[in-house]
């Protein structure tokens, strides 16, 4: 589902929120304290 600028993954339960960026970058917060960040190294010319 969608909040204000956050995706809300139903399968992770209430209070979880997710940002999805370009080139497969992610930021996920799952209460009470799990945070997962996935970064990508993308060349500037790309």
ModelCIF file with pLDDT and N, C-alpha, C, O atoms, coordinates in Angstrom:
data_MODEL
#
_entry.id   MODEL 
#
_entity.id                         1 
_entity.type                       polymer 
_entity.pdbx_number_of_molecules   1 
#
_entity_poly.entity_id                      1 
_entity_poly.type                           'polypeptide(L)' 
_entity_poly.nstd_linkage                   no 
_entity_poly.nstd_monomer                   no 
_entity_poly.pdbx_seq_one_letter_code       
;(UNK)(UNK)(UNK)(UNK)(UNK)(UNK)(UNK)(UNK)(UNK)(UNK)(UNK)(UNK)(UNK)(UNK)(UNK)(UNK)
(UNK)(UNK)(UNK)(UNK)(UNK)(UNK)(UNK)(UNK)(UNK)(UNK)(UNK)(UNK)(UNK)(UNK)(UNK)(UNK)
(UNK)(UNK)(UNK)(UNK)(UNK)(UNK)(UNK)(UNK)(UNK)(UNK)(UNK)(UNK)(UNK)(UNK)
;
_entity_poly.pdbx_seq_one_letter_code_can   XXXXXXXXXXXXXXXXXXXXXXXXXXXXXXXXXXXXXXXXXXXXXX 
_entity_poly.pdbx_strand_id                 A 
#
loop_
_entity_poly_seq.entity_id 
_entity_poly_seq.num 
_entity_poly_seq.mon_id 
_entity_poly_seq.hetero 
1 1  UNK n 
1 2  UNK n 
1 3  UNK n 
1 4  UNK n 
1 5  UNK n 
1 6  UNK n 
1 7  UNK n 
1 8  UNK n 
1 9  UNK n 
1 10 UNK n 
1 11 UNK n 
1 12 UNK n 
1 13 UNK n 
1 14 UNK n 
1 15 UNK n 
1 16 UNK n 
1 17 UNK n 
1 18 UNK n 
1 19 UNK n 
1 20 UNK n 
1 21 UNK n 
1 22 UNK n 
1 23 UNK n 
1 24 UNK n 
1 25 UNK n 
1 26 UNK n 
1 27 UNK n 
1 28 UNK n 
1 29 UNK n 
1 30 UNK n 
1 31 UNK n 
1 32 UNK n 
1 33 UNK n 
1 34 UNK n 
1 35 UNK n 
1 36 UNK n 
1 37 UNK n 
1 38 UNK n 
1 39 UNK n 
1 40 UNK n 
1 41 UNK n 
1 42 UNK n 
1 43 UNK n 
1 44 UNK n 
1 45 UNK n 
1 46 UNK n 
#
_struct_asym.id          A 
_struct_asym.entity_id   1 
#
loop_
_ma_qa_metric.id 
_ma_qa_metric.mode 
_ma_qa_metric.name 
_ma_qa_metric.software_group_id 
_ma_qa_metric.type 
1 global pLDDT . pLDDT 
2 local  pLDDT . pLDDT 
#
_ma_qa_metric_global.metric_id      1 
_ma_qa_metric_global.metric_value   88.37 
_ma_qa_metric_global.model_id       1 
_ma_qa_metric_global.ordinal_id     1 
#
loop_
_ma_qa_metric_local.label_asym_id 
_ma_qa_metric_local.label_comp_id 
_ma_qa_metric_local.label_seq_id 
_ma_qa_metric_local.metric_id 
_ma_qa_metric_local.metric_value 
_ma_qa_metric_local.model_id 
_ma_qa_metric_local.ordinal_id 
A UNK 1  2 85.00 1 1  
A UNK 2  2 85.00 1 2  
A UNK 3  2 87.00 1 3  
A UNK 4  2 88.00 1 4  
A UNK 5  2 88.00 1 5  
A UNK 6  2 91.00 1 6  
A UNK 7  2 89.00 1 7  
A UNK 8  2 89.00 1 8  
A UNK 9  2 89.00 1 9  
A UNK 10 2 84.00 1 10 
A UNK 11 2 86.00 1 11 
A UNK 12 2 87.00 1 12 
A UNK 13 2 83.00 1 13 
A UNK 14 2 85.00 1 14 
A UNK 15 2 89.00 1 15 
A UNK 16 2 92.00 1 16 
A UNK 17 2 93.00 1 17 
A UNK 18 2 93.00 1 18 
A UNK 19 2 93.00 1 19 
A UNK 20 2 90.00 1 20 
A UNK 21 2 87.00 1 21 
A UNK 22 2 81.00 1 22 
A UNK 23 2 80.00 1 23 
A UNK 24 2 81.00 1 24 
A UNK 25 2 90.00 1 25 
A UNK 26 2 94.00 1 26 
A UNK 27 2 95.00 1 27 
A UNK 28 2 95.00 1 28 
A UNK 29 2 95.00 1 29 
A UNK 30 2 93.00 1 30 
A UNK 31 2 90.00 1 31 
A UNK 32 2 89.00 1 32 
A UNK 33 2 90.00 1 33 
A UNK 34 2 93.00 1 34 
A UNK 35 2 95.00 1 35 
A UNK 36 2 95.00 1 36 
A UNK 37 2 94.00 1 37 
A UNK 38 2 90.00 1 38 
A UNK 39 2 87.00 1 39 
A UNK 40 2 83.00 1 40 
A UNK 41 2 81.00 1 41 
A UNK 42 2 82.00 1 42 
A UNK 43 2 83.00 1 43 
A UNK 44 2 85.00 1 44 
A UNK 45 2 87.00 1 45 
A UNK 46 2 84.00 1 46 
#
loop_
_atom_site.group_PDB 
_atom_site.id 
_atom_site.type_symbol 
_atom_site.label_atom_id 
_atom_site.label_alt_id 
_atom_site.label_comp_id 
_atom_site.label_asym_id 
_atom_site.label_entity_id 
_atom_site.label_seq_id 
_atom_site.pdbx_PDB_ins_code 
_atom_site.Cartn_x 
_atom_site.Cartn_y 
_atom_site.Cartn_z 
_atom_site.occupancy 
_atom_site.B_iso_or_equiv 
_atom_site.pdbx_formal_charge 
_atom_site.auth_seq_id 
_atom_site.auth_comp_id 
_atom_site.auth_asym_id 
_atom_site.auth_atom_id 
_atom_site.pdbx_PDB_model_num 
ATOM 1   N N  . UNK A 1 1  ? 0.871  -1.171 0.000   1.00 85.00 ? 1  UNK A N  1 
ATOM 2   C CA . UNK A 1 1  ? 0.000  0.000  0.000   1.00 85.00 ? 1  UNK A CA 1 
ATOM 3   C C  . UNK A 1 1  ? 0.911  1.225  0.000   1.00 85.00 ? 1  UNK A C  1 
ATOM 4   O O  . UNK A 1 1  ? 2.134  1.092  -0.037  1.00 85.00 ? 1  UNK A O  1 
ATOM 5   N N  . UNK A 1 2  ? 0.318  2.415  0.041   1.00 85.00 ? 2  UNK A N  1 
ATOM 6   C CA . UNK A 1 2  ? 1.128  3.628  -0.031  1.00 85.00 ? 2  UNK A CA 1 
ATOM 7   C C  . UNK A 1 2  ? 0.703  4.608  1.035   1.00 85.00 ? 2  UNK A C  1 
ATOM 8   O O  . UNK A 1 2  ? -0.488 4.829  1.254   1.00 85.00 ? 2  UNK A O  1 
ATOM 9   N N  . UNK A 1 3  ? 1.696  5.202  1.705   1.00 87.00 ? 3  UNK A N  1 
ATOM 10  C CA . UNK A 1 3  ? 1.458  6.274  2.673   1.00 87.00 ? 3  UNK A CA 1 
ATOM 11  C C  . UNK A 1 3  ? 1.848  7.586  2.023   1.00 87.00 ? 3  UNK A C  1 
ATOM 12  O O  . UNK A 1 3  ? 1.622  7.770  0.827   1.00 87.00 ? 3  UNK A O  1 
ATOM 13  N N  . UNK A 1 4  ? 2.424  8.493  2.779   1.00 88.00 ? 4  UNK A N  1 
ATOM 14  C CA . UNK A 1 4  ? 2.972  9.721  2.215   1.00 88.00 ? 4  UNK A CA 1 
ATOM 15  C C  . UNK A 1 4  ? 4.461  9.502  1.978   1.00 88.00 ? 4  UNK A C  1 
ATOM 16  O O  . UNK A 1 4  ? 5.257  9.582  2.913   1.00 88.00 ? 4  UNK A O  1 
ATOM 17  N N  . UNK A 1 5  ? 4.837  9.229  0.749   1.00 88.00 ? 5  UNK A N  1 
ATOM 18  C CA . UNK A 1 5  ? 6.211  8.990  0.296   1.00 88.00 ? 5  UNK A CA 1 
ATOM 19  C C  . UNK A 1 5  ? 6.800  7.663  0.778   1.00 88.00 ? 5  UNK A C  1 
ATOM 20  O O  . UNK A 1 5  ? 7.992  7.425  0.588   1.00 88.00 ? 5  UNK A O  1 
ATOM 21  N N  . UNK A 1 6  ? 6.004  6.802  1.390   1.00 91.00 ? 6  UNK A N  1 
ATOM 22  C CA . UNK A 1 6  ? 6.480  5.497  1.864   1.00 91.00 ? 6  UNK A CA 1 
ATOM 23  C C  . UNK A 1 6  ? 5.597  4.399  1.286   1.00 91.00 ? 6  UNK A C  1 
ATOM 24  O O  . UNK A 1 6  ? 4.379  4.554  1.201   1.00 91.00 ? 6  UNK A O  1 
ATOM 25  N N  . UNK A 1 7  ? 6.208  3.301  0.894   1.00 89.00 ? 7  UNK A N  1 
ATOM 26  C CA . UNK A 1 7  ? 5.468  2.076  0.588   1.00 89.00 ? 7  UNK A CA 1 
ATOM 27  C C  . UNK A 1 7  ? 5.249  1.350  1.906   1.00 89.00 ? 7  UNK A C  1 
ATOM 28  O O  . UNK A 1 7  ? 6.089  1.412  2.804   1.00 89.00 ? 7  UNK A O  1 
ATOM 29  N N  . UNK A 1 8  ? 4.130  0.669  2.017   1.00 89.00 ? 8  UNK A N  1 
ATOM 30  C CA . UNK A 1 8  ? 3.761  -0.026 3.255   1.00 89.00 ? 8  UNK A CA 1 
ATOM 31  C C  . UNK A 1 8  ? 3.567  -1.508 2.949   1.00 89.00 ? 8  UNK A C  1 
ATOM 32  O O  . UNK A 1 8  ? 2.507  -1.904 2.465   1.00 89.00 ? 8  UNK A O  1 
ATOM 33  N N  . UNK A 1 9  ? 4.578  -2.331 3.227   1.00 89.00 ? 9  UNK A N  1 
ATOM 34  C CA . UNK A 1 9  ? 4.505  -3.753 2.897   1.00 89.00 ? 9  UNK A CA 1 
ATOM 35  C C  . UNK A 1 9  ? 3.528  -4.496 3.817   1.00 89.00 ? 9  UNK A C  1 
ATOM 36  O O  . UNK A 1 9  ? 3.738  -4.578 5.028   1.00 89.00 ? 9  UNK A O  1 
ATOM 37  N N  . UNK A 1 10 ? 2.483  -5.021 3.236   1.00 84.00 ? 10 UNK A N  1 
ATOM 38  C CA . UNK A 1 10 ? 1.457  -5.728 4.014   1.00 84.00 ? 10 UNK A CA 1 
ATOM 39  C C  . UNK A 1 10 ? 2.014  -6.958 4.723   1.00 84.00 ? 10 UNK A C  1 
ATOM 40  O O  . UNK A 1 10 ? 1.621  -7.259 5.850   1.00 84.00 ? 10 UNK A O  1 
ATOM 41  N N  . UNK A 1 11 ? 2.927  -7.667 4.065   1.00 86.00 ? 11 UNK A N  1 
ATOM 42  C CA . UNK A 1 11 ? 3.410  -8.936 4.624   1.00 86.00 ? 11 UNK A CA 1 
ATOM 43  C C  . UNK A 1 11 ? 4.285  -8.761 5.858   1.00 86.00 ? 11 UNK A C  1 
ATOM 44  O O  . UNK A 1 11 ? 4.539  -9.729 6.574   1.00 86.00 ? 11 UNK A O  1 
ATOM 45  N N  . UNK A 1 12 ? 4.751  -7.536 6.119   1.00 87.00 ? 12 UNK A N  1 
ATOM 46  C CA . UNK A 1 12 ? 5.612  -7.308 7.277   1.00 87.00 ? 12 UNK A CA 1 
ATOM 47  C C  . UNK A 1 12 ? 4.861  -6.739 8.467   1.00 87.00 ? 12 UNK A C  1 
ATOM 48  O O  . UNK A 1 12 ? 5.440  -6.564 9.540   1.00 87.00 ? 12 UNK A O  1 
ATOM 49  N N  . UNK A 1 13 ? 3.587  -6.452 8.291   1.00 83.00 ? 13 UNK A N  1 
ATOM 50  C CA . UNK A 1 13 ? 2.783  -6.003 9.412   1.00 83.00 ? 13 UNK A CA 1 
ATOM 51  C C  . UNK A 1 13 ? 2.694  -4.505 9.550   1.00 83.00 ? 13 UNK A C  1 
ATOM 52  O O  . UNK A 1 13 ? 3.432  -3.745 8.924   1.00 83.00 ? 13 UNK A O  1 
ATOM 53  N N  . UNK A 1 14 ? 1.772  -4.111 10.384  1.00 85.00 ? 14 UNK A N  1 
ATOM 54  C CA . UNK A 1 14 ? 1.495  -2.694 10.622  1.00 85.00 ? 14 UNK A CA 1 
ATOM 55  C C  . UNK A 1 14 ? 2.730  -1.984 11.190  1.00 85.00 ? 14 UNK A C  1 
ATOM 56  O O  . UNK A 1 14 ? 3.430  -2.525 12.046  1.00 85.00 ? 14 UNK A O  1 
ATOM 57  N N  . UNK A 1 15 ? 2.976  -0.798 10.714  1.00 89.00 ? 15 UNK A N  1 
ATOM 58  C CA . UNK A 1 15 ? 4.096  -0.004 11.195  1.00 89.00 ? 15 UNK A CA 1 
ATOM 59  C C  . UNK A 1 15 ? 5.353  -0.122 10.345  1.00 89.00 ? 15 UNK A C  1 
ATOM 60  O O  . UNK A 1 15 ? 6.273  0.682  10.490  1.00 89.00 ? 15 UNK A O  1 
ATOM 61  N N  . UNK A 1 16 ? 5.404  -1.110 9.462   1.00 92.00 ? 16 UNK A N  1 
ATOM 62  C CA . UNK A 1 16 ? 6.561  -1.258 8.577   1.00 92.00 ? 16 UNK A CA 1 
ATOM 63  C C  . UNK A 1 16 ? 6.445  -0.272 7.418   1.00 92.00 ? 16 UNK A C  1 
ATOM 64  O O  . UNK A 1 16 ? 5.349  -0.010 6.925   1.00 92.00 ? 16 UNK A O  1 
ATOM 65  N N  . UNK A 1 17 ? 7.576  0.271  6.991   1.00 93.00 ? 17 UNK A N  1 
ATOM 66  C CA . UNK A 1 17 ? 7.550  1.161  5.833   1.00 93.00 ? 17 UNK A CA 1 
ATOM 67  C C  . UNK A 1 17 ? 8.827  1.005  5.023   1.00 93.00 ? 17 UNK A C  1 
ATOM 68  O O  . UNK A 1 17 ? 9.866  0.591  5.537   1.00 93.00 ? 17 UNK A O  1 
ATOM 69  N N  . UNK A 1 18 ? 8.723  1.348  3.736   1.00 93.00 ? 18 UNK A N  1 
ATOM 70  C CA . UNK A 1 18 ? 9.764  1.032  2.774   1.00 93.00 ? 18 UNK A CA 1 
ATOM 71  C C  . UNK A 1 18 ? 9.918  2.173  1.779   1.00 93.00 ? 18 UNK A C  1 
ATOM 72  O O  . UNK A 1 18 ? 8.923  2.703  1.283   1.00 93.00 ? 18 UNK A O  1 
ATOM 73  N N  . UNK A 1 19 ? 11.159 2.557  1.483   1.00 93.00 ? 19 UNK A N  1 
ATOM 74  C CA . UNK A 1 19 ? 11.469 3.485  0.397   1.00 93.00 ? 19 UNK A CA 1 
ATOM 75  C C  . UNK A 1 19 ? 12.177 2.692  -0.688  1.00 93.00 ? 19 UNK A C  1 
ATOM 76  O O  . UNK A 1 19 ? 13.059 1.882  -0.404  1.00 93.00 ? 19 UNK A O  1 
ATOM 77  N N  . UNK A 1 20 ? 11.786 2.929  -1.925  1.00 90.00 ? 20 UNK A N  1 
ATOM 78  C CA . UNK A 1 20 ? 12.400 2.249  -3.070  1.00 90.00 ? 20 UNK A CA 1 
ATOM 79  C C  . UNK A 1 20 ? 12.986 3.327  -3.974  1.00 90.00 ? 20 UNK A C  1 
ATOM 80  O O  . UNK A 1 20 ? 12.265 4.186  -4.482  1.00 90.00 ? 20 UNK A O  1 
ATOM 81  N N  . UNK A 1 21 ? 14.299 3.270  -4.169  1.00 87.00 ? 21 UNK A N  1 
ATOM 82  C CA . UNK A 1 21 ? 14.978 4.278  -4.976  1.00 87.00 ? 21 UNK A CA 1 
ATOM 83  C C  . UNK A 1 21 ? 15.369 3.757  -6.339  1.00 87.00 ? 21 UNK A C  1 
ATOM 84  O O  . UNK A 1 21 ? 15.097 2.609  -6.688  1.00 87.00 ? 21 UNK A O  1 
ATOM 85  N N  . UNK A 1 22 ? 16.012 4.620  -7.101  1.00 81.00 ? 22 UNK A N  1 
ATOM 86  C CA . UNK A 1 22 ? 16.492 4.239  -8.428  1.00 81.00 ? 22 UNK A CA 1 
ATOM 87  C C  . UNK A 1 22 ? 17.568 3.162  -8.334  1.00 81.00 ? 22 UNK A C  1 
ATOM 88  O O  . UNK A 1 22 ? 18.328 3.102  -7.367  1.00 81.00 ? 22 UNK A O  1 
ATOM 89  N N  . UNK A 1 23 ? 17.614 2.328  -9.343  1.00 80.00 ? 23 UNK A N  1 
ATOM 90  C CA . UNK A 1 23 ? 18.673 1.331  -9.491  1.00 80.00 ? 23 UNK A CA 1 
ATOM 91  C C  . UNK A 1 23 ? 18.701 0.300  -8.368  1.00 80.00 ? 23 UNK A C  1 
ATOM 92  O O  . UNK A 1 23 ? 19.767 -0.229 -8.052  1.00 80.00 ? 23 UNK A O  1 
ATOM 93  N N  . UNK A 1 24 ? 17.559 0.004  -7.762  1.00 81.00 ? 24 UNK A N  1 
ATOM 94  C CA . UNK A 1 24 ? 17.500 -1.052 -6.754  1.00 81.00 ? 24 UNK A CA 1 
ATOM 95  C C  . UNK A 1 24 ? 18.019 -0.664 -5.393  1.00 81.00 ? 24 UNK A C  1 
ATOM 96  O O  . UNK A 1 24 ? 18.628 -1.487 -4.710  1.00 81.00 ? 24 UNK A O  1 
ATOM 97  N N  . UNK A 1 25 ? 17.795 0.568  -4.979  1.00 90.00 ? 25 UNK A N  1 
ATOM 98  C CA . UNK A 1 25 ? 18.157 1.002  -3.631  1.00 90.00 ? 25 UNK A CA 1 
ATOM 99  C C  . UNK A 1 25 ? 16.917 0.923  -2.751  1.00 90.00 ? 25 UNK A C  1 
ATOM 100 O O  . UNK A 1 25 ? 15.823 1.298  -3.173  1.00 90.00 ? 25 UNK A O  1 
ATOM 101 N N  . UNK A 1 26 ? 17.093 0.431  -1.524  1.00 94.00 ? 26 UNK A N  1 
ATOM 102 C CA . UNK A 1 26 ? 15.966 0.226  -0.616  1.00 94.00 ? 26 UNK A CA 1 
ATOM 103 C C  . UNK A 1 26 ? 16.312 0.676  0.797   1.00 94.00 ? 26 UNK A C  1 
ATOM 104 O O  . UNK A 1 26 ? 17.467 0.622  1.219   1.00 94.00 ? 26 UNK A O  1 
ATOM 105 N N  . UNK A 1 27 ? 15.297 1.116  1.509   1.00 95.00 ? 27 UNK A N  1 
ATOM 106 C CA . UNK A 1 27 ? 15.381 1.401  2.937   1.00 95.00 ? 27 UNK A CA 1 
ATOM 107 C C  . UNK A 1 27 ? 14.112 0.840  3.557   1.00 95.00 ? 27 UNK A C  1 
ATOM 108 O O  . UNK A 1 27 ? 13.011 1.253  3.195   1.00 95.00 ? 27 UNK A O  1 
ATOM 109 N N  . UNK A 1 28 ? 14.254 -0.091 4.482   1.00 95.00 ? 28 UNK A N  1 
ATOM 110 C CA . UNK A 1 28 ? 13.107 -0.745 5.112   1.00 95.00 ? 28 UNK A CA 1 
ATOM 111 C C  . UNK A 1 28 ? 13.212 -0.624 6.623   1.00 95.00 ? 28 UNK A C  1 
ATOM 112 O O  . UNK A 1 28 ? 14.266 -0.888 7.202   1.00 95.00 ? 28 UNK A O  1 
ATOM 113 N N  . UNK A 1 29 ? 12.123 -0.226 7.260   1.00 95.00 ? 29 UNK A N  1 
ATOM 114 C CA . UNK A 1 29 ? 12.029 -0.173 8.716   1.00 95.00 ? 29 UNK A CA 1 
ATOM 115 C C  . UNK A 1 29 ? 10.893 -1.075 9.167   1.00 95.00 ? 29 UNK A C  1 
ATOM 116 O O  . UNK A 1 29 ? 9.760  -0.940 8.706   1.00 95.00 ? 29 UNK A O  1 
ATOM 117 N N  . UNK A 1 30 ? 11.205 -1.999 10.075  1.00 93.00 ? 30 UNK A N  1 
ATOM 118 C CA . UNK A 1 30 ? 10.210 -2.920 10.630  1.00 93.00 ? 30 UNK A CA 1 
ATOM 119 C C  . UNK A 1 30 ? 10.283 -2.797 12.145  1.00 93.00 ? 30 UNK A C  1 
ATOM 120 O O  . UNK A 1 30 ? 11.271 -3.200 12.759  1.00 93.00 ? 30 UNK A O  1 
ATOM 121 N N  . UNK A 1 31 ? 9.229  -2.237 12.749  1.00 90.00 ? 31 UNK A N  1 
ATOM 122 C CA . UNK A 1 31 ? 9.243  -2.104 14.214  1.00 90.00 ? 31 UNK A CA 1 
ATOM 123 C C  . UNK A 1 31 ? 9.339  -3.470 14.888  1.00 90.00 ? 31 UNK A C  1 
ATOM 124 O O  . UNK A 1 31 ? 8.814  -4.450 14.358  1.00 90.00 ? 31 UNK A O  1 
ATOM 125 N N  . UNK A 1 32 ? 10.002 -3.557 16.053  1.00 89.00 ? 32 UNK A N  1 
ATOM 126 C CA . UNK A 1 32 ? 10.413 -2.436 16.879  1.00 89.00 ? 32 UNK A CA 1 
ATOM 127 C C  . UNK A 1 32 ? 11.805 -1.898 16.590  1.00 89.00 ? 32 UNK A C  1 
ATOM 128 O O  . UNK A 1 32 ? 12.143 -0.834 17.110  1.00 89.00 ? 32 UNK A O  1 
ATOM 129 N N  . UNK A 1 33 ? 12.649 -2.575 15.781  1.00 90.00 ? 33 UNK A N  1 
ATOM 130 C CA . UNK A 1 33 ? 13.996 -2.034 15.637  1.00 90.00 ? 33 UNK A CA 1 
ATOM 131 C C  . UNK A 1 33 ? 14.814 -2.584 14.481  1.00 90.00 ? 33 UNK A C  1 
ATOM 132 O O  . UNK A 1 33 ? 16.039 -2.463 14.488  1.00 90.00 ? 33 UNK A O  1 
ATOM 133 N N  . UNK A 1 34 ? 14.173 -3.180 13.494  1.00 93.00 ? 34 UNK A N  1 
ATOM 134 C CA . UNK A 1 34 ? 14.926 -3.712 12.357  1.00 93.00 ? 34 UNK A CA 1 
ATOM 135 C C  . UNK A 1 34 ? 14.950 -2.676 11.237  1.00 93.00 ? 34 UNK A C  1 
ATOM 136 O O  . UNK A 1 34 ? 13.904 -2.205 10.792  1.00 93.00 ? 34 UNK A O  1 
ATOM 137 N N  . UNK A 1 35 ? 16.157 -2.327 10.785  1.00 95.00 ? 35 UNK A N  1 
ATOM 138 C CA . UNK A 1 35 ? 16.339 -1.423 9.652   1.00 95.00 ? 35 UNK A CA 1 
ATOM 139 C C  . UNK A 1 35 ? 17.283 -2.113 8.673   1.00 95.00 ? 35 UNK A C  1 
ATOM 140 O O  . UNK A 1 35 ? 18.372 -2.549 9.045   1.00 95.00 ? 35 UNK A O  1 
ATOM 141 N N  . UNK A 1 36 ? 16.849 -2.206 7.415   1.00 95.00 ? 36 UNK A N  1 
ATOM 142 C CA . UNK A 1 36 ? 17.675 -2.803 6.365   1.00 95.00 ? 36 UNK A CA 1 
ATOM 143 C C  . UNK A 1 36 ? 17.840 -1.771 5.264   1.00 95.00 ? 36 UNK A C  1 
ATOM 144 O O  . UNK A 1 36 ? 16.860 -1.230 4.753   1.00 95.00 ? 36 UNK A O  1 
ATOM 145 N N  . UNK A 1 37 ? 19.091 -1.503 4.902   1.00 94.00 ? 37 UNK A N  1 
ATOM 146 C CA . UNK A 1 37 ? 19.403 -0.561 3.833   1.00 94.00 ? 37 UNK A CA 1 
ATOM 147 C C  . UNK A 1 37 ? 20.168 -1.315 2.764   1.00 94.00 ? 37 UNK A C  1 
ATOM 148 O O  . UNK A 1 37 ? 21.142 -2.007 3.060   1.00 94.00 ? 37 UNK A O  1 
ATOM 149 N N  . UNK A 1 38 ? 19.729 -1.182 1.520   1.00 90.00 ? 38 UNK A N  1 
ATOM 150 C CA . UNK A 1 38 ? 20.435 -1.780 0.384   1.00 90.00 ? 38 UNK A CA 1 
ATOM 151 C C  . UNK A 1 38 ? 20.844 -0.651 -0.543  1.00 90.00 ? 38 UNK A C  1 
ATOM 152 O O  . UNK A 1 38 ? 19.999 0.018  -1.137  1.00 90.00 ? 38 UNK A O  1 
ATOM 153 N N  . UNK A 1 39 ? 22.158 -0.443 -0.664  1.00 87.00 ? 39 UNK A N  1 
ATOM 154 C CA . UNK A 1 39 ? 22.687 0.619  -1.513  1.00 87.00 ? 39 UNK A CA 1 
ATOM 155 C C  . UNK A 1 39 ? 23.278 0.016  -2.779  1.00 87.00 ? 39 UNK A C  1 
ATOM 156 O O  . UNK A 1 39 ? 23.630 -1.163 -2.819  1.00 87.00 ? 39 UNK A O  1 
ATOM 157 N N  . UNK A 1 40 ? 23.377 0.831  -3.791  1.00 83.00 ? 40 UNK A N  1 
ATOM 158 C CA . UNK A 1 40 ? 23.999 0.416  -5.052  1.00 83.00 ? 40 UNK A CA 1 
ATOM 159 C C  . UNK A 1 40 ? 25.081 1.402  -5.423  1.00 83.00 ? 40 UNK A C  1 
ATOM 160 O O  . UNK A 1 40 ? 24.944 2.603  -5.192  1.00 83.00 ? 40 UNK A O  1 
ATOM 161 N N  . UNK A 1 41 ? 26.155 0.899  -5.995  1.00 81.00 ? 41 UNK A N  1 
ATOM 162 C CA . UNK A 1 41 ? 27.199 1.738  -6.548  1.00 81.00 ? 41 UNK A CA 1 
ATOM 163 C C  . UNK A 1 41 ? 26.925 1.850  -8.047  1.00 81.00 ? 41 UNK A C  1 
ATOM 164 O O  . UNK A 1 41 ? 27.193 0.916  -8.803  1.00 81.00 ? 41 UNK A O  1 
ATOM 165 N N  . UNK A 1 42 ? 26.398 2.981  -8.467  1.00 82.00 ? 42 UNK A N  1 
ATOM 166 C CA . UNK A 1 42 ? 26.037 3.191  -9.862  1.00 82.00 ? 42 UNK A CA 1 
ATOM 167 C C  . UNK A 1 42 ? 26.940 4.280  -10.430 1.00 82.00 ? 42 UNK A C  1 
ATOM 168 O O  . UNK A 1 42 ? 27.035 5.368  -9.862  1.00 82.00 ? 42 UNK A O  1 
ATOM 169 N N  . UNK A 1 43 ? 27.604 3.988  -11.552 1.00 83.00 ? 43 UNK A N  1 
ATOM 170 C CA . UNK A 1 43 ? 28.508 4.983  -12.134 1.00 83.00 ? 43 UNK A CA 1 
ATOM 171 C C  . UNK A 1 43 ? 27.772 6.279  -12.503 1.00 83.00 ? 43 UNK A C  1 
ATOM 172 O O  . UNK A 1 43 ? 26.611 6.253  -12.912 1.00 83.00 ? 43 UNK A O  1 
ATOM 173 N N  . UNK A 1 44 ? 28.471 7.408  -12.351 1.00 85.00 ? 44 UNK A N  1 
ATOM 174 C CA . UNK A 1 44 ? 27.870 8.710  -12.649 1.00 85.00 ? 44 UNK A CA 1 
ATOM 175 C C  . UNK A 1 44 ? 27.351 8.793  -14.084 1.00 85.00 ? 44 UNK A C  1 
ATOM 176 O O  . UNK A 1 44 ? 26.287 9.366  -14.317 1.00 85.00 ? 44 UNK A O  1 
ATOM 177 N N  . UNK A 1 45 ? 28.095 8.222  -15.063 1.00 87.00 ? 45 UNK A N  1 
ATOM 178 C CA . UNK A 1 45 ? 27.644 8.328  -16.447 1.00 87.00 ? 45 UNK A CA 1 
ATOM 179 C C  . UNK A 1 45 ? 26.323 7.587  -16.669 1.00 87.00 ? 45 UNK A C  1 
ATOM 180 O O  . UNK A 1 45 ? 25.538 7.969  -17.537 1.00 87.00 ? 45 UNK A O  1 
ATOM 181 N N  . UNK A 1 46 ? 26.077 6.549  -15.903 1.00 84.00 ? 46 UNK A N  1 
ATOM 182 C CA . UNK A 1 46 ? 24.806 5.829  -15.995 1.00 84.00 ? 46 UNK A CA 1 
ATOM 183 C C  . UNK A 1 46 ? 23.667 6.668  -15.420 1.00 84.00 ? 46 UNK A C  1 
ATOM 184 O O  . UNK A 1 46 ? 22.518 6.226  -15.410 1.00 84.00 ? 46 UNK A O  1 
#
